[in-house]
């Protein structure tokens, strides 16, 4: 899935896959979150939208402005719309769409596999040609 349309007060907004530039901005916005909020996010199972949604109210209460920045960057929806026009159901649908469209779990798994392969390649030359025993 490359996009998903969300309707807020009769206005349609398209949630698209994050381009690398927007992804970099998202990482910057996540870095600005308070440490306790970051700890909560790190503990979330990104393969489970439900797990994230269960933590969302607590995260919002601790860091509303930062969360608005993150959601705005990730969704492409202006902060004012998110803050003034979205209800809780809209917010949940936006977060769900962001996760579905960007498939963060697959990205995380792919990167983990890539870095594991790289580690194995770095270790292999060190043992090559050595006598064992």
N, C-alpha and C. Protein backbone atom coordinates (compact mmCIF):
# COMPACT_ATOMS: atom_id res chain seq x y z
N UNK A 1 0.86 -1.18 0.00
CA UNK A 1 0.00 0.00 0.00
C UNK A 1 0.91 1.24 0.00
N UNK A 2 0.68 2.16 -0.93
CA UNK A 2 1.53 3.36 -1.01
C UNK A 2 0.84 4.60 -0.47
N UNK A 3 -0.46 4.53 -0.30
CA UNK A 3 -1.17 5.67 0.30
C UNK A 3 -2.51 5.22 0.87
N UNK A 4 -3.06 6.11 1.68
CA UNK A 4 -4.38 5.84 2.27
C UNK A 4 -5.05 7.20 2.47
N UNK A 5 -6.34 7.27 2.18
CA UNK A 5 -7.07 8.52 2.31
C UNK A 5 -7.84 8.53 3.63
N UNK A 6 -7.68 9.63 4.36
CA UNK A 6 -8.35 9.84 5.63
C UNK A 6 -9.28 11.05 5.46
N UNK A 7 -10.50 10.97 5.98
CA UNK A 7 -11.42 12.09 5.90
C UNK A 7 -11.58 12.71 7.28
N UNK A 8 -11.36 14.03 7.35
CA UNK A 8 -11.52 14.79 8.59
C UNK A 8 -12.48 15.93 8.31
N UNK A 9 -13.64 15.91 8.97
CA UNK A 9 -14.67 16.94 8.77
C UNK A 9 -14.98 17.16 7.29
N UNK A 10 -15.11 16.09 6.55
CA UNK A 10 -15.47 16.17 5.14
C UNK A 10 -14.32 16.47 4.20
N UNK A 11 -13.15 16.77 4.71
CA UNK A 11 -11.96 17.05 3.89
C UNK A 11 -11.09 15.80 3.82
N UNK A 12 -10.69 15.43 2.60
CA UNK A 12 -9.84 14.25 2.44
C UNK A 12 -8.37 14.62 2.51
N UNK A 13 -7.60 13.77 3.19
CA UNK A 13 -6.15 13.92 3.31
C UNK A 13 -5.51 12.59 2.92
N UNK A 14 -4.48 12.66 2.11
CA UNK A 14 -3.81 11.45 1.66
C UNK A 14 -2.56 11.21 2.50
N UNK A 15 -2.53 10.07 3.14
CA UNK A 15 -1.35 9.66 3.91
C UNK A 15 -0.48 8.86 2.94
N UNK A 16 0.73 9.37 2.69
CA UNK A 16 1.63 8.74 1.73
C UNK A 16 2.83 8.14 2.44
N UNK A 17 3.50 7.22 1.74
CA UNK A 17 4.77 6.70 2.26
C UNK A 17 5.72 7.86 2.46
N UNK A 18 6.50 7.78 3.51
CA UNK A 18 7.45 8.84 3.80
C UNK A 18 8.62 8.80 2.82
N UNK A 19 8.85 9.94 2.16
CA UNK A 19 10.06 10.08 1.36
C UNK A 19 11.23 10.21 2.34
N UNK A 20 12.43 9.98 1.89
CA UNK A 20 13.59 10.01 2.79
C UNK A 20 13.74 11.34 3.52
N UNK A 21 13.47 12.45 2.84
CA UNK A 21 13.57 13.77 3.48
C UNK A 21 12.57 13.93 4.62
N UNK A 22 11.35 13.49 4.39
CA UNK A 22 10.34 13.56 5.46
C UNK A 22 10.67 12.58 6.57
N UNK A 23 11.22 11.44 6.21
CA UNK A 23 11.62 10.47 7.23
C UNK A 23 12.71 11.06 8.12
N UNK A 24 13.66 11.78 7.52
CA UNK A 24 14.72 12.45 8.30
C UNK A 24 14.12 13.49 9.24
N UNK A 25 13.13 14.25 8.76
CA UNK A 25 12.46 15.23 9.61
C UNK A 25 11.72 14.53 10.75
N UNK A 26 11.12 13.39 10.44
CA UNK A 26 10.41 12.62 11.47
C UNK A 26 11.37 12.16 12.56
N UNK A 27 12.53 11.68 12.16
CA UNK A 27 13.53 11.25 13.14
C UNK A 27 13.95 12.44 14.00
N UNK A 28 14.12 13.62 13.39
CA UNK A 28 14.47 14.83 14.15
C UNK A 28 13.38 15.18 15.15
N UNK A 29 12.13 15.09 14.73
CA UNK A 29 11.01 15.39 15.64
C UNK A 29 10.94 14.37 16.77
N UNK A 30 11.22 13.12 16.47
CA UNK A 30 11.22 12.09 17.52
C UNK A 30 12.34 12.35 18.52
N UNK A 31 13.48 12.86 18.03
CA UNK A 31 14.60 13.19 18.93
C UNK A 31 14.24 14.32 19.89
N UNK A 32 13.28 15.15 19.51
CA UNK A 32 12.87 16.27 20.37
C UNK A 32 11.86 15.86 21.45
N UNK A 33 11.40 14.63 21.40
CA UNK A 33 10.45 14.16 22.42
C UNK A 33 11.15 14.05 23.77
N UNK A 34 10.44 14.32 24.86
CA UNK A 34 11.02 14.15 26.19
C UNK A 34 11.51 12.71 26.39
N UNK A 35 12.56 12.52 27.18
CA UNK A 35 13.14 11.19 27.37
C UNK A 35 12.14 10.12 27.82
N UNK A 36 11.21 10.49 28.72
CA UNK A 36 10.25 9.48 29.19
C UNK A 36 9.29 9.05 28.07
N UNK A 37 8.99 9.95 27.16
CA UNK A 37 8.14 9.61 26.02
C UNK A 37 8.91 8.70 25.06
N UNK A 38 10.20 9.01 24.85
CA UNK A 38 11.02 8.16 23.98
C UNK A 38 11.12 6.75 24.53
N UNK A 39 11.25 6.62 25.85
CA UNK A 39 11.32 5.30 26.47
C UNK A 39 10.03 4.53 26.22
N UNK A 40 8.90 5.22 26.33
CA UNK A 40 7.61 4.57 26.06
C UNK A 40 7.55 4.11 24.60
N UNK A 41 8.00 4.95 23.68
CA UNK A 41 7.97 4.60 22.26
C UNK A 41 8.89 3.43 21.94
N UNK A 42 10.06 3.40 22.57
CA UNK A 42 10.99 2.29 22.34
C UNK A 42 10.41 0.97 22.78
N UNK A 43 9.55 1.01 23.78
CA UNK A 43 8.95 -0.22 24.31
C UNK A 43 7.77 -0.71 23.48
N UNK A 44 7.32 0.10 22.52
CA UNK A 44 6.16 -0.27 21.71
C UNK A 44 6.57 -1.28 20.65
N UNK A 45 5.77 -2.31 20.49
CA UNK A 45 5.97 -3.30 19.43
C UNK A 45 5.45 -2.70 18.13
N UNK A 46 6.37 -2.30 17.23
CA UNK A 46 5.96 -1.63 15.99
C UNK A 46 5.23 -2.55 15.02
N UNK A 47 5.27 -3.85 15.28
CA UNK A 47 4.51 -4.76 14.42
C UNK A 47 3.05 -4.80 14.83
N UNK A 48 2.74 -4.15 15.95
CA UNK A 48 1.37 -4.15 16.47
C UNK A 48 0.84 -2.73 16.56
N UNK A 49 -0.03 -2.37 15.65
CA UNK A 49 -0.67 -1.05 15.71
C UNK A 49 -1.44 -0.92 17.02
N UNK A 50 -2.05 -2.02 17.47
CA UNK A 50 -2.83 -1.99 18.70
C UNK A 50 -1.95 -1.64 19.90
N UNK A 51 -0.72 -2.17 19.92
CA UNK A 51 0.19 -1.87 21.01
C UNK A 51 0.52 -0.39 21.08
N UNK A 52 0.75 0.18 19.92
CA UNK A 52 1.04 1.62 19.87
C UNK A 52 -0.18 2.42 20.30
N UNK A 53 -1.34 2.01 19.82
CA UNK A 53 -2.57 2.75 20.11
C UNK A 53 -2.87 2.72 21.62
N UNK A 54 -2.51 1.64 22.28
CA UNK A 54 -2.74 1.55 23.72
C UNK A 54 -1.88 2.56 24.48
N UNK A 55 -0.71 2.86 23.96
CA UNK A 55 0.20 3.81 24.61
C UNK A 55 -0.08 5.26 24.23
N UNK A 56 -0.80 5.48 23.14
CA UNK A 56 -0.98 6.82 22.59
C UNK A 56 -1.56 7.84 23.58
N UNK A 57 -2.62 7.54 24.34
CA UNK A 57 -3.15 8.57 25.26
C UNK A 57 -2.12 9.06 26.27
N UNK A 58 -1.33 8.16 26.81
CA UNK A 58 -0.30 8.53 27.78
C UNK A 58 0.77 9.40 27.11
N UNK A 59 1.16 9.03 25.91
CA UNK A 59 2.17 9.80 25.18
C UNK A 59 1.67 11.21 24.87
N UNK A 60 0.43 11.30 24.44
CA UNK A 60 -0.15 12.60 24.10
C UNK A 60 -0.20 13.50 25.33
N UNK A 61 -0.59 12.94 26.46
CA UNK A 61 -0.71 13.77 27.66
C UNK A 61 0.64 14.29 28.13
N UNK A 62 1.71 13.59 27.84
CA UNK A 62 3.04 14.00 28.28
C UNK A 62 3.72 14.99 27.33
N UNK A 63 3.32 15.01 26.06
CA UNK A 63 4.09 15.78 25.10
C UNK A 63 3.25 16.18 23.88
N UNK A 64 2.16 16.89 24.11
CA UNK A 64 1.21 17.21 23.05
C UNK A 64 1.85 17.93 21.86
N UNK A 65 2.58 19.00 22.07
CA UNK A 65 3.15 19.77 20.96
C UNK A 65 4.13 18.93 20.15
N UNK A 66 4.95 18.14 20.83
CA UNK A 66 5.90 17.28 20.14
C UNK A 66 5.18 16.20 19.33
N UNK A 67 4.13 15.66 19.91
CA UNK A 67 3.35 14.63 19.22
C UNK A 67 2.71 15.23 17.96
N UNK A 68 2.22 16.46 18.07
CA UNK A 68 1.65 17.13 16.89
C UNK A 68 2.69 17.25 15.79
N UNK A 69 3.91 17.63 16.17
CA UNK A 69 4.99 17.73 15.17
C UNK A 69 5.21 16.38 14.48
N UNK A 70 5.31 15.33 15.27
CA UNK A 70 5.55 13.99 14.74
C UNK A 70 4.42 13.58 13.80
N UNK A 71 3.17 13.73 14.27
CA UNK A 71 2.03 13.33 13.44
C UNK A 71 1.91 14.16 12.17
N UNK A 72 2.21 15.44 12.27
CA UNK A 72 2.13 16.31 11.10
C UNK A 72 3.16 15.90 10.05
N UNK A 73 4.38 15.66 10.49
CA UNK A 73 5.42 15.25 9.55
C UNK A 73 5.08 13.89 8.94
N UNK A 74 4.68 12.94 9.77
CA UNK A 74 4.40 11.59 9.29
C UNK A 74 3.18 11.50 8.39
N UNK A 75 2.19 12.36 8.65
CA UNK A 75 0.94 12.29 7.88
C UNK A 75 0.86 13.29 6.73
N UNK A 76 1.61 14.39 6.85
CA UNK A 76 1.49 15.47 5.87
C UNK A 76 0.31 16.39 6.15
N UNK A 77 -0.35 16.19 7.27
CA UNK A 77 -1.50 17.02 7.65
C UNK A 77 -1.00 18.14 8.56
N UNK A 78 -1.45 19.37 8.30
CA UNK A 78 -1.01 20.52 9.08
C UNK A 78 -1.35 20.34 10.56
N UNK A 79 -0.44 20.84 11.41
CA UNK A 79 -0.63 20.73 12.86
C UNK A 79 -1.95 21.35 13.32
N UNK A 80 -2.34 22.46 12.71
CA UNK A 80 -3.58 23.14 13.10
C UNK A 80 -4.79 22.24 12.86
N UNK A 81 -4.77 21.53 11.74
CA UNK A 81 -5.87 20.61 11.43
C UNK A 81 -5.89 19.48 12.46
N UNK A 82 -4.72 18.93 12.73
CA UNK A 82 -4.64 17.84 13.71
C UNK A 82 -5.15 18.28 15.08
N UNK A 83 -4.76 19.48 15.49
CA UNK A 83 -5.09 19.96 16.82
C UNK A 83 -6.53 20.44 16.95
N UNK A 84 -7.03 21.10 15.91
CA UNK A 84 -8.32 21.77 16.02
C UNK A 84 -9.49 21.03 15.37
N UNK A 85 -9.20 20.13 14.44
CA UNK A 85 -10.29 19.50 13.69
C UNK A 85 -10.42 18.00 13.89
N UNK A 86 -9.37 17.36 14.37
CA UNK A 86 -9.40 15.89 14.53
C UNK A 86 -10.01 15.52 15.87
N UNK A 87 -10.86 14.51 15.83
CA UNK A 87 -11.33 13.94 17.09
C UNK A 87 -10.47 12.69 17.36
N UNK A 88 -10.74 12.02 18.46
CA UNK A 88 -9.94 10.87 18.85
C UNK A 88 -9.98 9.77 17.78
N UNK A 89 -11.13 9.53 17.22
CA UNK A 89 -11.26 8.52 16.17
C UNK A 89 -10.41 8.89 14.95
N UNK A 90 -10.43 10.17 14.55
CA UNK A 90 -9.60 10.63 13.43
C UNK A 90 -8.13 10.39 13.74
N UNK A 91 -7.72 10.74 14.96
CA UNK A 91 -6.33 10.57 15.36
C UNK A 91 -5.89 9.12 15.29
N UNK A 92 -6.73 8.23 15.77
CA UNK A 92 -6.43 6.80 15.71
C UNK A 92 -6.30 6.35 14.27
N UNK A 93 -7.22 6.78 13.41
CA UNK A 93 -7.17 6.41 12.00
C UNK A 93 -5.92 6.95 11.30
N UNK A 94 -5.48 8.14 11.68
CA UNK A 94 -4.28 8.73 11.09
C UNK A 94 -3.05 7.91 11.48
N UNK A 95 -2.93 7.61 12.78
CA UNK A 95 -1.78 6.82 13.24
C UNK A 95 -1.78 5.44 12.58
N UNK A 96 -2.94 4.83 12.51
CA UNK A 96 -3.05 3.51 11.88
C UNK A 96 -2.63 3.57 10.42
N UNK A 97 -3.08 4.60 9.71
CA UNK A 97 -2.72 4.76 8.29
C UNK A 97 -1.22 4.98 8.12
N UNK A 98 -0.62 5.78 9.00
CA UNK A 98 0.83 6.02 8.93
C UNK A 98 1.58 4.69 9.06
N UNK A 99 1.18 3.88 10.04
CA UNK A 99 1.84 2.59 10.24
C UNK A 99 1.61 1.65 9.06
N UNK A 100 0.38 1.60 8.56
CA UNK A 100 0.06 0.69 7.45
C UNK A 100 0.80 1.08 6.17
N UNK A 101 0.80 2.35 5.85
CA UNK A 101 1.40 2.82 4.60
C UNK A 101 2.92 2.67 4.62
N UNK A 102 3.54 2.96 5.76
CA UNK A 102 4.99 2.94 5.83
C UNK A 102 5.58 1.59 6.24
N UNK A 103 4.77 0.70 6.74
CA UNK A 103 5.19 -0.66 7.09
C UNK A 103 6.52 -0.66 7.85
N UNK A 104 6.55 0.06 8.97
CA UNK A 104 7.76 0.21 9.77
C UNK A 104 8.33 -1.12 10.24
N UNK A 105 7.47 -2.10 10.50
CA UNK A 105 7.94 -3.40 10.98
C UNK A 105 8.82 -4.07 9.92
N UNK A 106 8.41 -4.01 8.65
CA UNK A 106 9.20 -4.60 7.58
C UNK A 106 10.51 -3.85 7.39
N UNK A 107 10.46 -2.52 7.48
CA UNK A 107 11.68 -1.72 7.36
C UNK A 107 12.66 -2.11 8.46
N UNK A 108 12.16 -2.20 9.68
CA UNK A 108 13.01 -2.55 10.83
C UNK A 108 13.63 -3.94 10.62
N UNK A 109 12.82 -4.89 10.18
CA UNK A 109 13.30 -6.26 9.96
C UNK A 109 14.35 -6.29 8.85
N UNK A 110 14.11 -5.57 7.77
CA UNK A 110 15.05 -5.53 6.66
C UNK A 110 16.38 -4.93 7.09
N UNK A 111 16.33 -3.83 7.83
CA UNK A 111 17.56 -3.20 8.29
C UNK A 111 18.31 -4.11 9.26
N UNK A 112 17.59 -4.77 10.14
CA UNK A 112 18.23 -5.68 11.09
C UNK A 112 18.94 -6.81 10.34
N UNK A 113 18.30 -7.35 9.32
CA UNK A 113 18.90 -8.42 8.51
C UNK A 113 20.12 -7.89 7.77
N UNK A 114 20.02 -6.70 7.22
CA UNK A 114 21.12 -6.09 6.49
C UNK A 114 22.33 -5.90 7.39
N UNK A 115 22.11 -5.34 8.58
CA UNK A 115 23.22 -5.10 9.49
C UNK A 115 23.78 -6.39 10.06
N UNK A 116 22.93 -7.40 10.24
CA UNK A 116 23.42 -8.70 10.71
C UNK A 116 24.32 -9.32 9.65
N UNK A 117 23.92 -9.25 8.38
CA UNK A 117 24.74 -9.77 7.29
C UNK A 117 26.07 -9.05 7.23
N UNK A 118 26.05 -7.74 7.43
CA UNK A 118 27.27 -6.94 7.40
C UNK A 118 28.21 -7.37 8.52
N UNK A 119 27.66 -7.59 9.73
CA UNK A 119 28.46 -8.04 10.86
C UNK A 119 29.10 -9.39 10.56
N UNK A 120 28.32 -10.30 9.98
CA UNK A 120 28.83 -11.63 9.65
C UNK A 120 29.95 -11.54 8.63
N UNK A 121 29.84 -10.64 7.66
CA UNK A 121 30.88 -10.46 6.66
C UNK A 121 32.15 -9.91 7.28
N UNK A 122 32.01 -9.04 8.28
CA UNK A 122 33.18 -8.47 8.95
C UNK A 122 33.89 -9.51 9.80
N UNK A 123 33.14 -10.42 10.40
CA UNK A 123 33.72 -11.44 11.26
C UNK A 123 34.37 -12.54 10.42
N UNK A 124 33.78 -12.90 9.30
CA UNK A 124 34.27 -14.00 8.47
C UNK A 124 35.73 -13.83 8.02
N UNK A 125 36.17 -12.68 7.52
CA UNK A 125 37.55 -12.56 7.08
C UNK A 125 38.55 -12.73 8.23
N UNK A 126 38.17 -12.44 9.43
CA UNK A 126 39.07 -12.56 10.56
C UNK A 126 39.37 -14.02 10.89
N UNK A 127 38.43 -14.90 10.63
CA UNK A 127 38.62 -16.32 10.95
C UNK A 127 39.11 -17.10 9.75
N UNK A 128 39.05 -16.53 8.57
CA UNK A 128 39.44 -17.22 7.35
C UNK A 128 40.94 -17.51 7.36
N UNK A 129 41.30 -18.73 7.08
CA UNK A 129 42.70 -19.12 6.96
C UNK A 129 43.36 -19.46 8.28
N UNK A 130 42.69 -19.31 9.38
CA UNK A 130 43.27 -19.64 10.68
C UNK A 130 43.05 -21.13 10.96
N UNK A 131 44.06 -21.73 11.57
CA UNK A 131 43.92 -23.13 11.95
C UNK A 131 43.05 -23.22 13.18
N UNK A 132 42.19 -24.18 13.18
CA UNK A 132 41.34 -24.42 14.34
C UNK A 132 41.83 -25.68 15.01
N UNK A 133 42.11 -25.60 16.32
CA UNK A 133 42.46 -26.79 17.07
C UNK A 133 43.85 -26.84 17.43
